[in-house]
Amino acid sequence: MRKIITGLAVAGLILAGGVSTATTASAAGAGQPCSGYSTAEPLLRAGATGDAVKELQCELNRAITPSSGYYLTVDGVFGQATLRAVYRFQGCVGLQVDGEVGPQTWSKLDYWSLQSSYAC
């Protein structure tokens, strides 16, 4: 009986740790894709608007540390703040810093937005 109770107590601690870890990861959004915006990844430039820009802004927020001052409002408008964040991200990941979001930038964003750490 004592072995069963000890086993249940250990199992409970393991489960509690797993639930706590899962909740923390979910709250931070780590490892979860930006969803509900756009699955298309068109070439984007300053002045663009729409769901693809919302996707871009969401992924930039997950790839650049929030304390860096580049955190974006996900509003679907590729304005100056989004352009500065694109410049920052492209520089951090070794891409040409041109402010255009094409296949290479999308690829790096897709990767970094799913990591538990930041690109920059």
Protein backbone atom coordinates (compact mmCIF):
# COMPACT_ATOMS: atom_id res chain seq x y z
CA MET A 1 0.00 0.00 0.00
CA ARG A 2 2.83 2.39 0.90
CA LYS A 3 4.46 1.78 -2.53
CA ILE A 4 1.19 2.57 -4.31
CA ILE A 5 0.73 5.84 -2.38
CA THR A 6 4.35 6.85 -3.01
CA GLY A 7 3.97 6.03 -6.70
CA LEU A 8 0.80 8.09 -6.95
CA ALA A 9 2.47 11.02 -5.18
CA VAL A 10 5.43 10.94 -7.58
CA ALA A 11 3.09 10.67 -10.57
CA GLY A 12 1.12 13.64 -9.25
CA LEU A 13 4.28 15.75 -8.95
CA ILE A 14 5.35 14.82 -12.47
CA LEU A 15 1.93 15.69 -13.86
CA ALA A 16 1.81 18.95 -11.94
CA GLY A 17 5.19 19.93 -13.36
CA GLY A 18 4.05 19.05 -16.88
CA VAL A 19 0.86 21.06 -16.55
CA SER A 20 2.75 24.03 -15.17
CA THR A 21 5.30 23.93 -17.98
CA ALA A 22 2.62 23.59 -20.65
CA THR A 23 0.67 26.52 -19.23
CA THR A 24 3.77 28.71 -19.13
CA ALA A 25 4.68 27.88 -22.74
CA SER A 26 1.12 28.51 -23.92
CA ALA A 27 0.92 31.84 -22.16
CA ALA A 28 4.14 32.97 -23.82
CA GLY A 29 3.04 31.72 -27.23
CA ALA A 30 6.31 29.88 -27.72
CA GLY A 31 6.17 27.20 -30.35
CA GLN A 32 2.72 28.21 -31.54
CA PRO A 33 2.27 29.68 -35.01
CA CYS A 34 0.66 33.05 -35.56
CA SER A 35 -2.72 31.92 -36.78
CA GLY A 36 -5.89 33.46 -37.99
CA TYR A 37 -4.17 36.07 -40.14
CA SER A 38 -2.78 34.75 -43.42
CA THR A 39 -1.26 31.62 -44.86
CA ALA A 40 0.02 33.52 -47.91
CA GLU A 41 3.52 34.95 -47.77
CA PRO A 42 3.59 37.56 -50.54
CA LEU A 43 6.34 40.08 -51.11
CA LEU A 44 5.59 42.88 -48.67
CA ARG A 45 6.90 46.45 -48.60
CA ALA A 46 6.15 49.56 -46.57
CA GLY A 47 2.64 50.74 -47.37
CA ALA A 48 1.15 47.25 -47.65
CA THR A 49 -1.97 46.41 -45.63
CA GLY A 50 -4.03 43.35 -44.80
CA ASP A 51 -3.84 39.93 -43.21
CA ALA A 52 -0.38 39.12 -44.59
CA VAL A 53 0.95 42.23 -42.79
CA LYS A 54 -0.76 41.08 -39.58
CA GLU A 55 1.03 37.73 -39.98
CA LEU A 56 4.31 39.60 -40.50
CA GLN A 57 3.78 41.76 -37.41
CA CYS A 58 2.85 38.76 -35.27
CA GLU A 59 5.92 36.81 -36.39
CA LEU A 60 8.21 39.81 -35.85
CA ASN A 61 6.83 40.15 -32.31
CA ARG A 62 7.77 36.52 -31.66
CA ALA A 63 11.22 36.79 -33.26
CA ILE A 64 12.43 40.05 -31.69
CA THR A 65 12.67 40.36 -27.92
CA PRO A 66 9.89 42.59 -26.58
CA SER A 67 12.33 44.61 -24.46
CA SER A 68 14.18 45.77 -27.60
CA GLY A 69 11.64 48.51 -28.32
CA TYR A 70 10.47 46.93 -31.59
CA TYR A 71 7.20 45.43 -30.31
CA LEU A 72 4.43 46.00 -32.87
CA THR A 73 0.69 46.50 -32.70
CA VAL A 74 -0.79 43.84 -34.98
CA ASP A 75 -2.94 46.19 -37.05
CA GLY A 76 -2.25 45.07 -40.62
CA VAL A 77 -0.53 48.32 -41.65
CA PHE A 78 3.10 48.12 -42.83
CA GLY A 79 4.13 51.51 -41.50
CA GLN A 80 7.37 52.96 -40.15
CA ALA A 81 7.37 50.87 -36.95
CA THR A 82 6.95 47.65 -38.94
CA LEU A 83 9.65 48.75 -41.38
CA ARG A 84 12.09 49.42 -38.51
CA ALA A 85 11.33 45.97 -37.05
CA VAL A 86 11.91 44.33 -40.45
CA TYR A 87 15.27 46.14 -40.75
CA ARG A 88 16.21 44.99 -37.23
CA PHE A 89 15.19 41.39 -37.89
CA GLN A 90 16.94 41.17 -41.26
CA GLY A 91 20.15 42.50 -39.70
CA CYS A 92 19.98 40.06 -36.79
CA VAL A 93 19.61 36.99 -38.98
CA GLY A 94 22.20 37.92 -41.60
CA LEU A 95 19.88 38.85 -44.46
CA GLN A 96 20.18 41.80 -46.79
CA VAL A 97 18.67 44.73 -44.90
CA ASP A 98 16.31 46.14 -47.51
CA GLY A 99 12.98 46.34 -45.69
CA GLU A 100 11.30 44.04 -48.20
CA VAL A 101 9.75 40.86 -46.88
CA GLY A 102 10.26 38.19 -49.52
CA PRO A 103 10.91 34.44 -49.44
CA GLN A 104 14.18 34.60 -47.48
CA THR A 105 12.80 36.90 -44.80
CA TRP A 106 9.60 34.87 -44.53
CA SER A 107 11.64 31.67 -44.16
CA LYS A 108 13.69 33.12 -41.30
CA LEU A 109 10.57 34.60 -39.67
CA ASP A 110 8.74 31.29 -39.91
CA TYR A 111 11.67 29.61 -38.17
CA TRP A 112 12.29 32.20 -35.44
CA SER A 113 8.64 32.84 -34.62
CA LEU A 114 8.33 29.20 -33.51
CA GLN A 115 11.43 29.13 -31.30
CA SER A 116 11.44 29.51 -27.52
CA SER A 117 14.16 32.17 -27.84
CA TYR A 118 14.49 35.32 -29.92
CA ALA A 119 16.56 36.02 -33.03
CA CYS A 120 17.45 39.44 -31.63
